Each structure stands twice: as C-alpha cells, then as structure tokens.
Amino acid sequence: MVKPETSQEIKSLYLVSIIEDNAHTALNLQELLSKSGDFQFLKHYTSAQQAILSLPDEVPDIVILDIGLPGKNGLECLKELRLKTLNTKYVIFTVFEDEEKIVEAIQGGASGYLLKDTPPALFLAELRVIVLGGAPLTARIADKIIREFTKKEETKITPLVNTLGLTERELQILNFVALGMTFPDIAEELDISSHTVSRHIEKIYKKMEVHSKSEAIIRGRRMGIIRDVPGYP
C-alpha cells in the first residue's frame, strides 16, 4: 500500500516572505523567486518589528530572514515569530559565519542557514530541501561547525574507538550526513561525484548494520564517532 503524501509534499507552489532591510538584496530575492516554478513571493518586511506585527496575518510557507536587522535582530525575530507561525519554515540568509550565531539560529528553530553568496541555483535547491523537511547548511557553514565542535570536544572527551572498520573518508561523510548536508553538497565539499558519495553511504550502512540515515546517526552518536572529521585540523 502506497503511503499517502503529506500536504507539504504535494503542494506545487510555496509562498515566501522576506525579512530584509537591504532593499537591493530583497529585490534580488524577489526576482529569483519569480523565475522559479516552485515558489511565489508573498511579502517583504524591512524590520523585525514590522514582521512580528504583520506576518502572522499573512502566513507564508517559508520566511527568508536576515540576521543583521535594525532594532531587534533576526535571531530575536525568529524566536518570536516561531511561536506565532508553527507551520512556517525559516531560513537564515546572512553574511555572518559566526559559529555562535549559527547554533543560536538552529536552536531557535531555523530550518536552514545559508550565506548571501550562495549561488542562485543552489539557493533555490536548498529551499526545495527545506519544504520537504530537510535542514540544509551550505558546505562552508557545515565545515565551520565541524571544525569548531571538534576543537571543543577534543578538550573534553576522548572519542570511543572505531570498532566498525569505517575508513577515514567514511567517517568524514557520516559526520557531514549528521549535519544535514545533502549528497550533492558532500560531493562538492570533497570534490567527488554524488555517485561516489552514494557508494560510501552504502558501505557505511553495511558496516554499521543499519538501513537508514537516522539509524546510522543514532548509532554513530552512541559510539562517539560523530564528533569530528578525520583529515581536518
């Protein structure tokens, strides 16, 4: 019996609102959305205060949210809006690569964290991942989180021994998967093909004796092998 699709999976058009004080950036985003068959621009807000007041009356499917807003910043805005728009996905769109801001955004309920220099085609692809339930991070952001987290963890806990026979590359890919990166993102980061990534994933599942990404992540965390990425300083 085929499992019925959810309402989000069968939607053909997603409404997108923008919270951005830079008019040029907001206009570029509107033009990009207009060229997509999946997304439709709904409304532009220039401040957190304006969005908090009006956005709950015109609820979009996705909100593209800048951090550096005047008055209340984007992270404060995110926390307030999440309480009023439970079914809306929020993607941070910013120039900031600060690890603390990234973690705060994710903890605040952001569904993705993308940099403003993300190529247009990749940006739209990431939005599609978000509406289907994914939580994308650009490769550079994921890499930064891994580096910072590794440095902190190395001073606190000695990782458990890898008893599954995973290679350094397989451990590396497992950690990227745990961060929510897509196969194409991993392929781009490691300069290999998506097919090669898939082959590595198959080997990882076989060695870990699991059948899904979630099972691999859970077992990897229990073993302590999802804490660092071999080959990174």
Protein backbone atom coordinates (compact mmCIF):
# COMPACT_ATOMS: atom_id res chain seq x y z
CA MET A 1 0.00 0.00 0.00
CA VAL A 2 1.42 3.36 -1.02
CA LYS A 3 1.75 5.78 1.87
CA PRO A 4 -0.27 8.98 1.17
CA GLU A 5 1.82 12.07 0.68
CA THR A 6 1.61 14.91 3.17
CA SER A 7 0.10 18.25 2.21
CA GLN A 8 3.57 19.78 2.05
CA GLU A 9 4.84 17.12 -0.33
CA ILE A 10 2.00 17.56 -2.83
CA LYS A 11 1.97 21.36 -2.89
CA SER A 12 3.06 22.79 -6.22
CA LEU A 13 3.64 26.37 -5.07
CA TYR A 14 5.12 27.67 -1.83
CA LEU A 15 4.56 31.22 -0.57
CA VAL A 16 7.74 33.01 0.52
CA SER A 17 8.08 36.17 2.58
CA ILE A 18 11.33 38.09 3.08
CA ILE A 19 12.56 39.91 6.18
CA GLU A 20 15.48 42.02 4.94
CA ASP A 21 16.39 45.68 5.49
CA ASN A 22 18.57 45.88 2.37
CA ALA A 23 16.24 46.81 -0.49
CA HIS A 24 18.67 45.61 -3.19
CA THR A 25 19.05 42.17 -1.58
CA ALA A 26 15.29 41.86 -1.13
CA LEU A 27 14.68 42.79 -4.78
CA ASN A 28 17.22 40.22 -5.97
CA LEU A 29 15.48 37.55 -3.91
CA GLN A 30 12.08 38.51 -5.34
CA GLU A 31 13.44 38.28 -8.89
CA LEU A 32 15.00 34.89 -8.13
CA LEU A 33 11.73 33.56 -6.72
CA SER A 34 9.81 34.85 -9.75
CA LYS A 35 11.98 32.67 -12.02
CA SER A 36 11.13 29.53 -10.06
CA GLY A 37 8.09 27.40 -10.69
CA ASP A 38 8.07 26.23 -7.07
CA PHE A 39 7.98 29.48 -5.11
CA GLN A 40 5.92 32.65 -5.12
CA PHE A 41 6.89 35.88 -3.38
CA LEU A 42 4.31 36.97 -0.81
CA LYS A 43 5.55 40.00 1.15
CA HIS A 44 8.69 41.95 2.09
CA TYR A 45 9.30 43.25 5.61
CA THR A 46 12.12 45.70 6.31
CA SER A 47 12.38 45.16 10.08
CA ALA A 48 11.74 42.57 12.76
CA GLN A 49 9.11 44.77 14.39
CA GLN A 50 7.18 45.07 11.14
CA ALA A 51 7.31 41.32 10.54
CA ILE A 52 6.29 40.39 14.09
CA LEU A 53 3.28 42.71 13.82
CA SER A 54 2.04 41.74 10.35
CA LEU A 55 3.44 38.40 9.20
CA PRO A 56 1.13 36.21 11.37
CA ASP A 57 -1.83 37.71 9.44
CA GLU A 58 -0.36 36.58 6.09
CA VAL A 59 1.41 33.36 6.96
CA PRO A 60 3.87 32.10 4.30
CA ASP A 61 5.28 28.62 3.87
CA ILE A 62 8.86 29.92 4.05
CA VAL A 63 10.47 33.04 5.51
CA ILE A 64 13.89 34.18 4.29
CA LEU A 65 15.33 36.01 7.30
CA ASP A 66 18.36 38.27 7.61
CA ILE A 67 20.24 38.41 10.96
CA GLY A 68 21.51 42.00 10.76
CA LEU A 69 18.18 43.80 11.03
CA PRO A 70 17.74 47.26 12.62
CA GLY A 71 16.26 47.21 16.13
CA LYS A 72 15.57 43.60 17.01
CA ASN A 73 17.96 41.35 15.13
CA GLY A 74 16.93 38.39 13.02
CA LEU A 75 17.55 35.81 15.73
CA GLU A 76 15.29 37.66 18.18
CA CYS A 77 12.71 37.98 15.40
CA LEU A 78 12.93 34.24 14.71
CA LYS A 79 12.17 33.31 18.32
CA GLU A 80 9.04 35.49 18.42
CA LEU A 81 7.69 34.51 15.02
CA ARG A 82 8.19 30.78 15.60
CA LEU A 83 5.64 30.96 18.42
CA LYS A 84 3.06 32.57 16.12
CA THR A 85 3.65 30.62 12.89
CA LEU A 86 4.18 26.99 13.84
CA ASN A 87 3.98 25.59 10.30
CA THR A 88 6.29 28.11 8.65
CA LYS A 89 9.87 27.20 7.71
CA TYR A 90 12.56 29.79 8.44
CA VAL A 91 15.85 30.01 6.56
CA ILE A 92 18.56 32.36 7.76
CA PHE A 93 20.11 34.28 4.85
CA THR A 94 23.12 36.21 6.03
CA VAL A 95 26.77 37.18 5.65
CA PHE A 96 27.59 36.00 9.18
CA GLU A 97 29.61 32.80 9.55
CA ASP A 98 29.94 33.10 13.32
CA GLU A 99 29.53 29.69 14.94
CA GLU A 100 27.54 31.01 17.90
CA LYS A 101 25.01 32.70 15.61
CA ILE A 102 24.64 29.51 13.56
CA VAL A 103 23.98 27.39 16.65
CA GLU A 104 21.60 30.01 18.10
CA ALA A 105 19.65 30.10 14.84
CA ILE A 106 19.30 26.33 14.72
CA GLN A 107 18.29 26.19 18.38
CA GLY A 108 15.79 28.98 17.71
CA GLY A 109 14.03 26.85 15.11
CA ALA A 110 15.66 27.81 11.81
CA SER A 111 15.25 25.15 9.12
CA GLY A 112 18.36 26.23 7.25
CA TYR A 113 21.33 28.61 7.38
CA LEU A 114 22.54 29.90 4.02
CA LEU A 115 25.12 32.54 3.19
CA LYS A 116 24.33 35.50 0.96
CA ASP A 117 26.99 34.46 -1.54
CA THR A 118 25.19 31.15 -2.16
CA PRO A 119 24.75 30.72 -5.96
CA PRO A 120 21.12 31.35 -7.07
CA ALA A 121 20.54 27.83 -8.41
CA LEU A 122 21.88 26.26 -5.21
CA PHE A 123 19.80 28.65 -3.09
CA LEU A 124 16.58 27.55 -4.81
CA ALA A 125 17.63 23.91 -4.48
CA GLU A 126 18.15 24.40 -0.75
CA LEU A 127 14.69 25.96 -0.42
CA ARG A 128 13.26 22.83 -2.04
CA VAL A 129 15.10 20.69 0.52
CA ILE A 130 13.61 22.79 3.32
CA VAL A 131 9.98 22.43 2.21
CA LEU A 132 10.46 18.66 2.02
CA GLY A 133 11.60 18.54 5.62
CA GLY A 134 15.38 18.86 5.27
CA ALA A 135 17.60 21.29 7.15
CA PRO A 136 20.36 22.36 4.76
CA LEU A 137 23.57 24.13 5.64
CA THR A 138 25.92 25.40 2.97
CA ALA A 139 29.08 23.29 2.82
CA ARG A 140 31.21 26.14 4.22
CA ILE A 141 28.91 26.55 7.22
CA ALA A 142 28.80 22.80 7.90
CA ASP A 143 32.57 22.65 7.66
CA LYS A 144 32.91 25.52 10.14
CA ILE A 145 30.61 23.86 12.68
CA ILE A 146 32.57 20.61 12.43
CA ARG A 147 35.90 22.39 12.92
CA GLU A 148 34.71 24.39 15.93
CA PHE A 149 32.89 21.47 17.53
CA THR A 150 35.91 19.22 17.06
CA LYS A 151 38.20 21.68 18.84
CA LYS A 152 35.85 21.88 21.83
CA GLU A 153 35.20 18.15 22.07
CA GLU A 154 38.87 17.22 21.86
CA THR A 155 39.48 19.10 25.12
CA LYS A 156 36.66 17.30 26.94
CA ILE A 157 36.12 13.72 25.75
CA THR A 158 38.31 11.06 24.22
CA PRO A 159 36.34 9.54 21.31
CA LEU A 160 35.50 5.87 21.55
CA VAL A 161 37.45 3.51 19.37
CA ASN A 162 36.03 2.98 15.89
CA THR A 163 35.38 -0.76 16.01
CA LEU A 164 33.30 -0.93 12.82
CA GLY A 165 36.17 -0.69 10.37
CA LEU A 166 34.97 2.61 8.88
CA THR A 167 37.60 4.35 6.80
CA GLU A 168 38.56 7.99 7.43
CA ARG A 169 36.58 9.05 4.35
CA GLU A 170 33.53 7.09 5.54
CA LEU A 171 33.75 8.73 8.98
CA GLN A 172 34.06 12.09 7.28
CA ILE A 173 30.94 11.52 5.16
CA LEU A 174 29.00 10.16 8.15
CA ASN A 175 29.71 13.37 10.05
CA PHE A 176 28.60 15.50 7.09
CA VAL A 177 25.38 13.47 6.83
CA ALA A 178 24.77 14.01 10.57
CA LEU A 179 24.95 17.77 9.93
CA GLY A 180 22.13 17.53 7.40
CA MET A 181 24.23 18.01 4.28
CA THR A 182 22.83 16.62 1.02
CA PHE A 183 24.75 14.18 -1.18
CA PRO A 184 25.48 16.90 -3.80
CA ASP A 185 26.78 19.23 -1.05
CA ILE A 186 29.05 16.49 0.30
CA ALA A 187 30.26 15.69 -3.22
CA GLU A 188 31.10 19.35 -3.84
CA GLU A 189 32.86 19.74 -0.48
CA LEU A 190 35.01 16.62 -1.01
CA ASP A 191 35.46 17.11 -4.77
CA ILE A 192 33.98 13.72 -5.63
CA SER A 193 30.86 12.64 -7.52
CA SER A 194 27.42 12.17 -5.95
CA HIS A 195 27.60 8.55 -7.13
CA THR A 196 30.81 8.05 -5.12
CA VAL A 197 29.11 9.56 -2.07
CA SER A 198 26.22 7.10 -2.51
CA ARG A 199 28.67 4.17 -2.71
CA HIS A 200 30.33 5.32 0.51
CA ILE A 201 26.93 5.59 2.20
CA GLU A 202 26.10 2.01 1.17
CA LYS A 203 29.36 0.78 2.70
CA ILE A 204 28.73 2.80 5.88
CA TYR A 205 25.26 1.29 6.31
CA LYS A 206 26.61 -2.22 5.74
CA LYS A 207 29.45 -1.84 8.25
CA MET A 208 27.17 -0.22 10.84
CA GLU A 209 24.41 -2.79 10.19
CA VAL A 210 21.76 -0.10 9.72
CA HIS A 211 19.24 0.64 7.00
CA SER A 212 18.67 4.38 7.17
CA LYS A 213 20.37 7.72 7.77
CA SER A 214 18.67 8.18 11.15
CA GLU A 215 19.80 4.74 12.36
CA ALA A 216 23.38 5.47 11.26
CA ILE A 217 23.41 8.83 13.05
CA ILE A 218 21.95 7.38 16.26
CA ARG A 219 24.46 4.53 16.36
CA GLY A 220 27.32 6.82 15.41
CA ARG A 221 26.50 9.19 18.26
CA ARG A 222 26.24 6.34 20.74
CA MET A 223 29.69 5.13 19.67
CA GLY A 224 31.15 8.61 19.86
CA ILE A 225 32.31 8.67 16.23
CA ILE A 226 30.11 11.60 15.22
CA ARG A 227 32.17 14.25 16.87
CA ASP A 228 34.98 15.05 14.48
CA VAL A 229 36.04 14.67 10.86
CA PRO A 230 39.35 12.87 10.19
CA GLY A 231 41.63 14.91 7.99
CA TYR A 232 40.54 18.25 9.40
CA PRO A 233 42.76 20.20 11.79
